[in-house]
Every structure is written in structure tokens, then in C-alpha cells.
Amino acid sequence: PDMYPGNCWAFKGSQGYLVVRLSMKIYPTAFTVEHVPKALSPGGNITSAPRNFAVYGLDDEYQEEGKLLGQYVYDQDGEPLQMFPVMV
């Protein structure tokens, strides 16, 4: 509903999916994930931050299986903005 910590792109439950549709085909070299730091979190923790996640390349949003580009772990004790290189 707004851009305050804790109110951005909330997923219900412990799993979620996000599809980003681009206007043209790209060959990514890395991905970044940013989450509010613990110091700015209303509850003083960031347990809602993504932990284990995978990135797939799809030809279109209806494709059931894409190409796995990498599996990653977001470090909740690390920097708020983290970069993950394409593994494949």
C-alpha cells in the first residue's frame, strides 16, 4: 500500500513467485535483491526477507519450466542490497 518498511511486495505464506516481463530478450549476468535493513525494520528483525530462492529464465510468462539461472541464499546479516551472479 505504500513504501514504508514492511509494506512492500508482501507474499502470503512461506513461498512466492514473481515474473518480470521484459520488452526484449536479455542475457543477464547477475541479479540483485534488496530488503530493508534490520535497523530500519519496524520490529527490529527481517525474518520476512527472502532466504533461499531460485531464478529461472522463461521465454514467456506461461512457460511451465524455464532454464535455471541459479539458486541463491539472501544473507539476512549482510548488506541490504546483495548481488548474485548467474550460475549457468
PDB file of N, CA and C in Angstrom:
ATOM      1  N   PRO A   1       0.798  -1.213   0.000  1.00  0.00           N
ATOM      2  CA  PRO A   1       0.000   0.000   0.000  1.00  0.00           C
ATOM      3  C   PRO A   1       0.840   1.276   0.000  1.00  0.00           C
ATOM      4  N   ASP A   2       2.078   1.190   0.461  1.00  0.00           N
ATOM      5  CA  ASP A   2       2.953   2.359   0.498  1.00  0.00           C
ATOM      6  C   ASP A   2       4.394   1.870   0.461  1.00  0.00           C
ATOM      7  N   MET A   3       5.342   2.767   0.639  1.00  0.00           N
ATOM      8  CA  MET A   3       6.752   2.396   0.555  1.00  0.00           C
ATOM      9  C   MET A   3       7.429   2.320   1.925  1.00  0.00           C
ATOM     10  N   TYR A   4       6.641   2.219   2.992  1.00  0.00           N
ATOM     11  CA  TYR A   4       7.223   2.116   4.324  1.00  0.00           C
ATOM     12  C   TYR A   4       7.703   0.691   4.575  1.00  0.00           C
ATOM     13  N   PRO A   5       8.743   0.519   5.399  1.00  0.00           N
ATOM     14  CA  PRO A   5       9.256  -0.827   5.684  1.00  0.00           C
ATOM     15  C   PRO A   5       8.155  -1.772   6.137  1.00  0.00           C
ATOM     16  N   GLY A   6       8.157  -2.957   5.546  1.00  0.00           N
ATOM     17  CA  GLY A   6       7.169  -3.971   5.894  1.00  0.00           C
ATOM     18  C   GLY A   6       5.936  -3.969   5.021  1.00  0.00           C
ATOM     19  N   ASN A   7       5.800  -3.001   4.110  1.00  0.00           N
ATOM     20  CA  ASN A   7       4.603  -2.911   3.286  1.00  0.00           C
ATOM     21  C   ASN A   7       4.874  -3.088   1.792  1.00  0.00           C
ATOM     22  N   CYS A   8       6.024  -3.601   1.431  1.00  0.00           N
ATOM     23  CA  CYS A   8       6.362  -3.735   0.021  1.00  0.00           C
ATOM     24  C   CYS A   8       6.316  -5.195  -0.422  1.00  0.00           C
ATOM     25  N   TRP A   9       5.633  -5.468  -1.469  1.00  0.00           N
ATOM     26  CA  TRP A   9       5.586  -6.782  -2.120  1.00  0.00           C
ATOM     27  C   TRP A   9       5.481  -7.944  -1.155  1.00  0.00           C
ATOM     28  N   ALA A  10       4.539  -7.900  -0.269  1.00  0.00           N
ATOM     29  CA  ALA A  10       4.365  -8.981   0.702  1.00  0.00           C
ATOM     30  C   ALA A  10       3.806 -10.222   0.015  1.00  0.00           C
ATOM     31  N   PHE A  11       4.348 -11.362   0.366  1.00  0.00           N
ATOM     32  CA  PHE A  11       3.843 -12.654  -0.105  1.00  0.00           C
ATOM     33  C   PHE A  11       3.146 -13.333   1.060  1.00  0.00           C
ATOM     34  N   LYS A  12       2.037 -13.972   0.783  1.00  0.00           N
ATOM     35  CA  LYS A  12       1.317 -14.710   1.807  1.00  0.00           C
ATOM     36  C   LYS A  12       1.969 -16.077   1.959  1.00  0.00           C
ATOM     37  N   GLY A  13       2.282 -16.483   3.165  1.00  0.00           N
ATOM     38  CA  GLY A  13       2.892 -17.787   3.401  1.00  0.00           C
ATOM     39  C   GLY A  13       4.400 -17.748   3.270  1.00  0.00           C
ATOM     40  N   SER A  14       4.991 -18.926   3.103  1.00  0.00           N
ATOM     41  CA  SER A  14       6.452 -19.024   3.090  1.00  0.00           C
ATOM     42  C   SER A  14       7.035 -19.124   1.682  1.00  0.00           C
ATOM     43  N   GLN A  15       6.193 -19.140   0.663  1.00  0.00           N
ATOM     44  CA  GLN A  15       6.682 -19.217  -0.712  1.00  0.00           C
ATOM     45  C   GLN A  15       5.961 -18.198  -1.579  1.00  0.00           C
ATOM     46  N   GLY A  16       6.643 -17.772  -2.624  1.00  0.00           N
ATOM     47  CA  GLY A  16       6.031 -16.849  -3.559  1.00  0.00           C
ATOM     48  C   GLY A  16       6.727 -16.907  -4.893  1.00  0.00           C
ATOM     49  N   TYR A  17       6.089 -16.339  -5.892  1.00  0.00           N
ATOM     50  CA  TYR A  17       6.630 -16.326  -7.240  1.00  0.00           C
ATOM     51  C   TYR A  17       6.496 -14.923  -7.803  1.00  0.00           C
ATOM     52  N   LEU A  18       7.453 -14.555  -8.588  1.00  0.00           N
ATOM     53  CA  LEU A  18       7.439 -13.248  -9.215  1.00  0.00           C
ATOM     54  C   LEU A  18       7.890 -13.423 -10.656  1.00  0.00           C
ATOM     55  N   VAL A  19       7.131 -12.890 -11.586  1.00  0.00           N
ATOM     56  CA  VAL A  19       7.501 -12.922 -13.001  1.00  0.00           C
ATOM     57  C   VAL A  19       7.738 -11.488 -13.439  1.00  0.00           C
ATOM     58  N   VAL A  20       8.892 -11.237 -14.032  1.00  0.00           N
ATOM     59  CA  VAL A  20       9.212  -9.920 -14.574  1.00  0.00           C
ATOM     60  C   VAL A  20       9.210 -10.056 -16.091  1.00  0.00           C
ATOM     61  N   ARG A  21       8.325  -9.339 -16.729  1.00  0.00           N
ATOM     62  CA  ARG A  21       8.206  -9.404 -18.187  1.00  0.00           C
ATOM     63  C   ARG A  21       8.987  -8.244 -18.800  1.00  0.00           C
ATOM     64  N   LEU A  22       9.919  -8.580 -19.680  1.00  0.00           N
ATOM     65  CA  LEU A  22      10.747  -7.560 -20.324  1.00  0.00           C
ATOM     66  C   LEU A  22      10.301  -7.357 -21.760  1.00  0.00           C
ATOM     67  N   SER A  23      10.644  -6.226 -22.324  1.00  0.00           N
ATOM     68  CA  SER A  23      10.216  -5.903 -23.684  1.00  0.00           C
ATOM     69  C   SER A  23      11.071  -6.590 -24.742  1.00  0.00           C
ATOM     70  N   MET A  24      12.230  -7.095 -24.336  1.00  0.00           N
ATOM     71  CA  MET A  24      13.091  -7.796 -25.294  1.00  0.00           C
ATOM     72  C   MET A  24      13.908  -8.856 -24.569  1.00  0.00           C
ATOM     73  N   LYS A  25      14.441  -9.792 -25.312  1.00  0.00           N
ATOM     74  CA  LYS A  25      15.255 -10.860 -24.744  1.00  0.00           C
ATOM     75  C   LYS A  25      16.583 -10.301 -24.245  1.00  0.00           C
ATOM     76  N   ILE A  26      16.987 -10.743 -23.048  1.00  0.00           N
ATOM     77  CA  ILE A  26      18.259 -10.320 -22.489  1.00  0.00           C
ATOM     78  C   ILE A  26      19.052 -11.537 -22.037  1.00  0.00           C
ATOM     79  N   TYR A  27      20.325 -11.348 -21.778  1.00  0.00           N
ATOM     80  CA  TYR A  27      21.190 -12.375 -21.216  1.00  0.00           C
ATOM     81  C   TYR A  27      21.788 -11.800 -19.935  1.00  0.00           C
ATOM     82  N   PRO A  28      21.125 -12.025 -18.798  1.00  0.00           N
ATOM     83  CA  PRO A  28      21.573 -11.420 -17.551  1.00  0.00           C
ATOM     84  C   PRO A  28      22.908 -12.008 -17.086  1.00  0.00           C
ATOM     85  N   THR A  29      23.658 -11.211 -16.362  1.00  0.00           N
ATOM     86  CA  THR A  29      24.915 -11.678 -15.777  1.00  0.00           C
ATOM     87  C   THR A  29      24.820 -11.739 -14.257  1.00  0.00           C
ATOM     88  N   ALA A  30      23.844 -11.040 -13.671  1.00  0.00           N
ATOM     89  CA  ALA A  30      23.672 -11.036 -12.222  1.00  0.00           C
ATOM     90  C   ALA A  30      22.273 -10.531 -11.878  1.00  0.00           C
ATOM     91  N   PHE A  31      21.874 -10.791 -10.639  1.00  0.00           N
ATOM     92  CA  PHE A  31      20.600 -10.331 -10.101  1.00  0.00           C
ATOM     93  C   PHE A  31      20.876  -9.656  -8.772  1.00  0.00           C
ATOM     94  N   THR A  32      20.058  -8.693  -8.407  1.00  0.00           N
ATOM     95  CA  THR A  32      20.190  -8.075  -7.095  1.00  0.00           C
ATOM     96  C   THR A  32      18.873  -8.205  -6.348  1.00  0.00           C
ATOM     97  N   VAL A  33      18.999  -8.338  -5.038  1.00  0.00           N
ATOM     98  CA  VAL A  33      17.844  -8.363  -4.142  1.00  0.00           C
ATOM     99  C   VAL A  33      18.132  -7.351  -3.049  1.00  0.00           C
ATOM    100  N   GLU A  34      17.147  -6.497  -2.770  1.00  0.00           N
ATOM    101  CA  GLU A  34      17.292  -5.527  -1.701  1.00  0.00           C
ATOM    102  C   GLU A  34      16.152  -5.697  -0.714  1.00  0.00           C
ATOM    103  N   HIS A  35      16.482  -5.684   0.559  1.00  0.00           N
ATOM    104  CA  HIS A  35      15.482  -5.780   1.618  1.00  0.00           C
ATOM    105  C   HIS A  35      15.808  -4.723   2.666  1.00  0.00           C
ATOM    106  N   VAL A  36      14.808  -4.256   3.356  1.00  0.00           N
ATOM    107  CA  VAL A  36      15.023  -3.251   4.390  1.00  0.00           C
ATOM    108  C   VAL A  36      16.030  -3.801   5.417  1.00  0.00           C
ATOM    109  N   PRO A  37      16.980  -2.986   5.867  1.00  0.00           N
ATOM    110  CA  PRO A  37      17.930  -3.461   6.882  1.00  0.00           C
ATOM    111  C   PRO A  37      17.243  -3.621   8.243  1.00  0.00           C
ATOM    112  N   LYS A  38      17.836  -4.454   9.088  1.00  0.00           N
ATOM    113  CA  LYS A  38      17.275  -4.682  10.421  1.00  0.00           C
ATOM    114  C   LYS A  38      17.091  -3.379  11.193  1.00  0.00           C
ATOM    115  N   ALA A  39      18.041  -2.476  11.056  1.00  0.00           N
ATOM    116  CA  ALA A  39      17.991  -1.213  11.807  1.00  0.00           C
ATOM    117  C   ALA A  39      16.771  -0.365  11.450  1.00  0.00           C
ATOM    118  N   LEU A  40      16.248  -0.499  10.242  1.00  0.00           N
ATOM    119  CA  LEU A  40      15.084   0.286   9.816  1.00  0.00           C
ATOM    120  C   LEU A  40      13.778  -0.494   9.878  1.00  0.00           C
ATOM    121  N   SER A  41      13.866  -1.772  10.203  1.00  0.00           N
ATOM    122  CA  SER A  41      12.673  -2.606  10.264  1.00  0.00           C
ATOM    123  C   SER A  41      11.849  -2.248  11.492  1.00  0.00           C
ATOM    124  N   PRO A  42      10.527  -2.106  11.350  1.00  0.00           N
ATOM    125  CA  PRO A  42       9.683  -1.735  12.492  1.00  0.00           C
ATOM    126  C   PRO A  42       9.830  -2.677  13.692  1.00  0.00           C
ATOM    127  N   GLY A  43      10.017  -3.970  13.438  1.00  0.00           N
ATOM    128  CA  GLY A  43      10.149  -4.932  14.532  1.00  0.00           C
ATOM    129  C   GLY A  43      11.581  -5.229  14.923  1.00  0.00           C
ATOM    130  N   GLY A  44      12.542  -4.621  14.246  1.00  0.00           N
ATOM    131  CA  GLY A  44      13.945  -4.870  14.555  1.00  0.00           C
ATOM    132  C   GLY A  44      14.480  -6.174  14.014  1.00  0.00           C
ATOM    133  N   ASN A  45      13.689  -6.837  13.161  1.00  0.00           N
ATOM    134  CA  ASN A  45      14.163  -8.071  12.528  1.00  0.00           C
ATOM    135  C   ASN A  45      13.699  -8.088  11.081  1.00  0.00           C
ATOM    136  N   ILE A  46      14.290  -8.957  10.299  1.00  0.00           N
ATOM    137  CA  ILE A  46      13.891  -9.065   8.885  1.00  0.00           C
ATOM    138  C   ILE A  46      13.624 -10.529   8.540  1.00  0.00           C
ATOM    139  N   THR A  47      12.849 -11.174   9.390  1.00  0.00           N
ATOM    140  CA  THR A  47      12.518 -12.581   9.141  1.00  0.00           C
ATOM    141  C   THR A  47      11.693 -12.762   7.871  1.00  0.00           C
ATOM    142  N   SER A  48      11.115 -11.685   7.370  1.00  0.00           N
ATOM    143  CA  SER A  48      10.342 -11.779   6.127  1.00  0.00           C
ATOM    144  C   SER A  48      11.221 -11.699   4.878  1.00  0.00           C
ATOM    145  N   ALA A  49      12.512 -11.437   5.062  1.00  0.00           N
ATOM    146  CA  ALA A  49      13.420 -11.340   3.906  1.00  0.00           C
ATOM    147  C   ALA A  49      13.503 -12.696   3.203  1.00  0.00           C
ATOM    148  N   PRO A  50      13.699 -12.671   1.889  1.00  0.00           N
ATOM    149  CA  PRO A  50      13.856 -13.951   1.185  1.00  0.00           C
ATOM    150  C   PRO A  50      15.099 -14.658   1.685  1.00  0.00           C
ATOM    151  N   ARG A  51      15.058 -15.962   1.754  1.00  0.00           N
ATOM    152  CA  ARG A  51      16.254 -16.725   2.136  1.00  0.00           C
ATOM    153  C   ARG A  51      16.735 -17.499   0.933  1.00  0.00           C
ATOM    154  N   ASN A  52      16.213 -18.672   0.760  1.00  0.00           N
ATOM    155  CA  ASN A  52      16.586 -19.495  -0.393  1.00  0.00           C
ATOM    156  C   ASN A  52      15.690 -19.126  -1.562  1.00  0.00           C
ATOM    157  N   PHE A  53      16.305 -18.825  -2.705  1.00  0.00           N
ATOM    158  CA  PHE A  53      15.494 -18.519  -3.878  1.00  0.00           C
ATOM    159  C   PHE A  53      16.225 -18.959  -5.141  1.00  0.00           C
ATOM    160  N   ALA A  54      15.455 -19.175  -6.168  1.00  0.00           N
ATOM    161  CA  ALA A  54      15.989 -19.594  -7.464  1.00  0.00           C
ATOM    162  C   ALA A  54      15.495 -18.615  -8.520  1.00  0.00           C
ATOM    163  N   VAL A  55      16.296 -18.458  -9.571  1.00  0.00           N
ATOM    164  CA  VAL A  55      15.930 -17.582 -10.686  1.00  0.00           C
ATOM    165  C   VAL A  55      15.922 -18.422 -11.954  1.00  0.00           C
ATOM    166  N   TYR A  56      14.844 -18.307 -12.704  1.00  0.00           N
ATOM    167  CA  TYR A  56      14.685 -19.041 -13.952  1.00  0.00           C
ATOM    168  C   TYR A  56      14.508 -18.059 -15.098  1.00  0.00           C
ATOM    169  N   GLY A  57      15.008 -18.410 -16.249  1.00  0.00           N
ATOM    170  CA  GLY A  57      14.764 -17.648 -17.463  1.00  0.00           C
ATOM    171  C   GLY A  57      13.637 -18.306 -18.239  1.00  0.00           C
ATOM    172  N   LEU A  58      12.649 -17.521 -18.630  1.00  0.00           N
ATOM    173  CA  LEU A  58      11.493 -18.031 -19.364  1.00  0.00           C
ATOM    174  C   LEU A  58      11.365 -17.323 -20.701  1.00  0.00           C
ATOM    175  N   ASP A  59      10.837 -18.019 -21.683  1.00  0.00           N
ATOM    176  CA  ASP A  59      10.554 -17.386 -22.967  1.00  0.00           C
ATOM    177  C   ASP A  59       9.283 -16.544 -22.888  1.00  0.00           C
ATOM    178  N   ASP A  60       8.328 -16.976 -22.033  1.00  0.00           N
ATOM    179  CA  ASP A  60       7.117 -16.197 -21.785  1.00  0.00           C
ATOM    180  C   ASP A  60       6.568 -16.583 -20.414  1.00  0.00           C
ATOM    181  N   GLU A  61       5.640 -15.800 -19.899  1.00  0.00           N
ATOM    182  CA  GLU A  61       5.133 -15.999 -18.544  1.00  0.00           C
ATOM    183  C   GLU A  61       4.292 -17.257 -18.382  1.00  0.00           C
ATOM    184  N   TYR A  62       3.911 -17.883 -19.467  1.00  0.00           N
ATOM    185  CA  TYR A  62       3.086 -19.080 -19.396  1.00  0.00           C
ATOM    186  C   TYR A  62       3.915 -20.361 -19.484  1.00  0.00           C
ATOM    187  N   GLN A  63       5.183 -20.233 -19.729  1.00  0.00           N
ATOM    188  CA  GLN A  63       6.073 -21.387 -19.806  1.00  0.00           C
ATOM    189  C   GLN A  63       6.148 -22.042 -18.430  1.00  0.00           C
ATOM    190  N   GLU A  64       5.950 -23.373 -18.385  1.00  0.00           N
ATOM    191  CA  GLU A  64       5.911 -24.059 -17.096  1.00  0.00           C
ATOM    192  C   GLU A  64       7.289 -24.328 -16.527  1.00  0.00           C
ATOM    193  N   GLU A  65       8.264 -24.600 -17.366  1.00  0.00           N
ATOM    194  CA  GLU A  65       9.619 -24.849 -16.884  1.00  0.00           C
ATOM    195  C   GLU A  65      10.584 -23.973 -17.661  1.00  0.00           C
ATOM    196  N   GLY A  66      11.342 -23.205 -16.936  1.00  0.00           N
ATOM    197  CA  GLY A  66      12.328 -22.347 -17.563  1.00  0.00           C
ATOM    198  C   GLY A  66      13.720 -22.905 -17.368  1.00  0.00           C
ATOM    199  N   LYS A  67      14.703 -22.129 -17.764  1.00  0.00           N
ATOM    200  CA  LYS A  67      16.096 -22.518 -17.584  1.00  0.00           C
ATOM    201  C   LYS A  67      16.575 -21.976 -16.239  1.00  0.00           C
ATOM    202  N   LEU A  68      17.073 -22.862 -15.390  1.00  0.00           N
ATOM    203  CA  LEU A  68      17.573 -22.448 -14.087  1.00  0.00           C
ATOM    204  C   LEU A  68      18.838 -21.619 -14.279  1.00  0.00           C
ATOM    205  N   LEU A  69      18.806 -20.383 -13.796  1.00  0.00           N
ATOM    206  CA  LEU A  69      19.963 -19.492 -13.895  1.00  0.00           C
ATOM    207  C   LEU A  69      20.789 -19.480 -12.616  1.00  0.00           C
ATOM    208  N   GLY A  70      20.216 -19.970 -11.529  1.00  0.00           N
ATOM    209  CA  GLY A  70      20.958 -20.066 -10.280  1.00  0.00           C
ATOM    210  C   GLY A  70      20.055 -20.221  -9.077  1.00  0.00           C
ATOM    211  N   GLN A  71      20.623 -20.796  -8.019  1.00  0.00           N
ATOM    212  CA  GLN A  71      19.957 -20.904  -6.730  1.00  0.00           C
ATOM    213  C   GLN A  71      20.806 -20.135  -5.737  1.00  0.00           C
ATOM    214  N   TYR A  72      20.153 -19.343  -4.891  1.00  0.00           N
ATOM    215  CA  TYR A  72      20.873 -18.395  -4.063  1.00  0.00           C
ATOM    216  C   TYR A  72      20.320 -18.369  -2.637  1.00  0.00           C
ATOM    217  N   VAL A  73      21.088 -17.740  -1.743  1.00  0.00           N
ATOM    218  CA  VAL A  73      20.671 -17.531  -0.365  1.00  0.00           C
ATOM    219  C   VAL A  73      20.921 -16.065  -0.023  1.00  0.00           C
ATOM    220  N   TYR A  74      19.876 -15.375   0.391  1.00  0.00           N
ATOM    221  CA  TYR A  74      19.999 -13.993   0.844  1.00  0.00           C
ATOM    222  C   TYR A  74      20.506 -14.018   2.276  1.00  0.00           C
ATOM    223  N   ASP A  75      21.585 -13.299   2.558  1.00  0.00           N
ATOM    224  CA  ASP A  75      22.196 -13.249   3.884  1.00  0.00           C
ATOM    225  C   ASP A  75      21.537 -12.138   4.697  1.00  0.00           C
ATOM    226  N   GLN A  76      20.680 -12.514   5.649  1.00  0.00           N
ATOM    227  CA  GLN A  76      19.960 -11.525   6.448  1.00  0.00           C
ATOM    228  C   GLN A  76      20.886 -10.689   7.328  1.00  0.00           C
ATOM    229  N   ASP A  77      22.094 -11.163   7.544  1.00  0.00           N
ATOM    230  CA  ASP A  77      23.065 -10.403   8.331  1.00  0.00           C
ATOM    231  C   ASP A  77      24.010  -9.598   7.440  1.00  0.00           C
ATOM    232  N   GLY A  78      23.834  -9.714   6.132  1.00  0.00           N
ATOM    233  CA  GLY A  78      24.685  -8.998   5.185  1.00  0.00           C
ATOM    234  C   GLY A  78      24.132  -7.622   4.850  1.00  0.00           C
ATOM    235  N   GLU A  79      24.648  -7.068   3.775  1.00  0.00           N
ATOM    236  CA  GLU A  79      24.185  -5.761   3.295  1.00  0.00           C
ATOM    237  C   GLU A  79      22.736  -5.868   2.819  1.00  0.00           C
ATOM    238  N   PRO A  80      21.957  -4.777   2.897  1.00  0.00           N
ATOM    239  CA  PRO A  80      20.572  -4.813   2.429  1.00  0.00           C
ATOM    240  C   PRO A  80      20.462  -5.124   0.929  1.00  0.00           C
ATOM    241  N   LEU A  81      21.400  -4.598   0.123  1.00  0.00           N
ATOM    242  CA  LEU A  81      21.417  -4.833  -1.322  1.00  0.00           C
ATOM    243  C   LEU A  81      22.495  -5.871  -1.612  1.00  0.00           C
ATOM    244  N   GLN A  82      22.079  -7.024  -2.137  1.00  0.00           N
ATOM    245  CA  GLN A  82      23.023  -8.109  -2.408  1.00  0.00           C
ATOM    246  C   GLN A  82      22.950  -8.524  -3.869  1.00  0.00           C
ATOM    247  N   MET A  83      24.113  -8.815  -4.454  1.00  0.00           N
ATOM    248  CA  MET A  83      24.196  -9.202  -5.852  1.00  0.00           C
ATOM    249  C   MET A  83      24.523 -10.685  -5.943  1.00  0.00           C
ATOM    250  N   PHE A  84      23.891 -11.335  -6.919  1.00  0.00           N
ATOM    251  CA  PHE A  84      24.064 -12.772  -7.132  1.00  0.00           C
ATOM    252  C   PHE A  84      24.369 -12.997  -8.615  1.00  0.00           C
ATOM    253  N   PRO A  85      25.530 -13.567  -8.943  1.00  0.00           N
ATOM    254  CA  PRO A  85      25.880 -13.794 -10.344  1.00  0.00           C
ATOM    255  C   PRO A  85      25.070 -14.949 -10.940  1.00  0.00           C
ATOM    256  N   VAL A  86      24.850 -14.901 -12.225  1.00  0.00           N
ATOM    257  CA  VAL A  86      24.208 -16.009 -12.928  1.00  0.00           C
ATOM    258  C   VAL A  86      25.142 -17.203 -12.833  1.00  0.00           C
ATOM    259  N   MET A  87      24.622 -18.350 -12.418  1.00  0.00           N
ATOM    260  CA  MET A  87      25.452 -19.530 -12.224  1.00  0.00           C
ATOM    261  C   MET A  87      25.586 -20.374 -13.474  1.00  0.00           C
ATOM    262  N   VAL A  88      24.593 -20.295 -14.349  1.00  0.00           N
ATOM    263  CA  VAL A  88      24.597 -21.128 -15.559  1.00  0.00           C
ATOM    264  C   VAL A  88      24.714 -20.227 -16.784  1.00  0.00           C
TER     265      VAL A  88
END
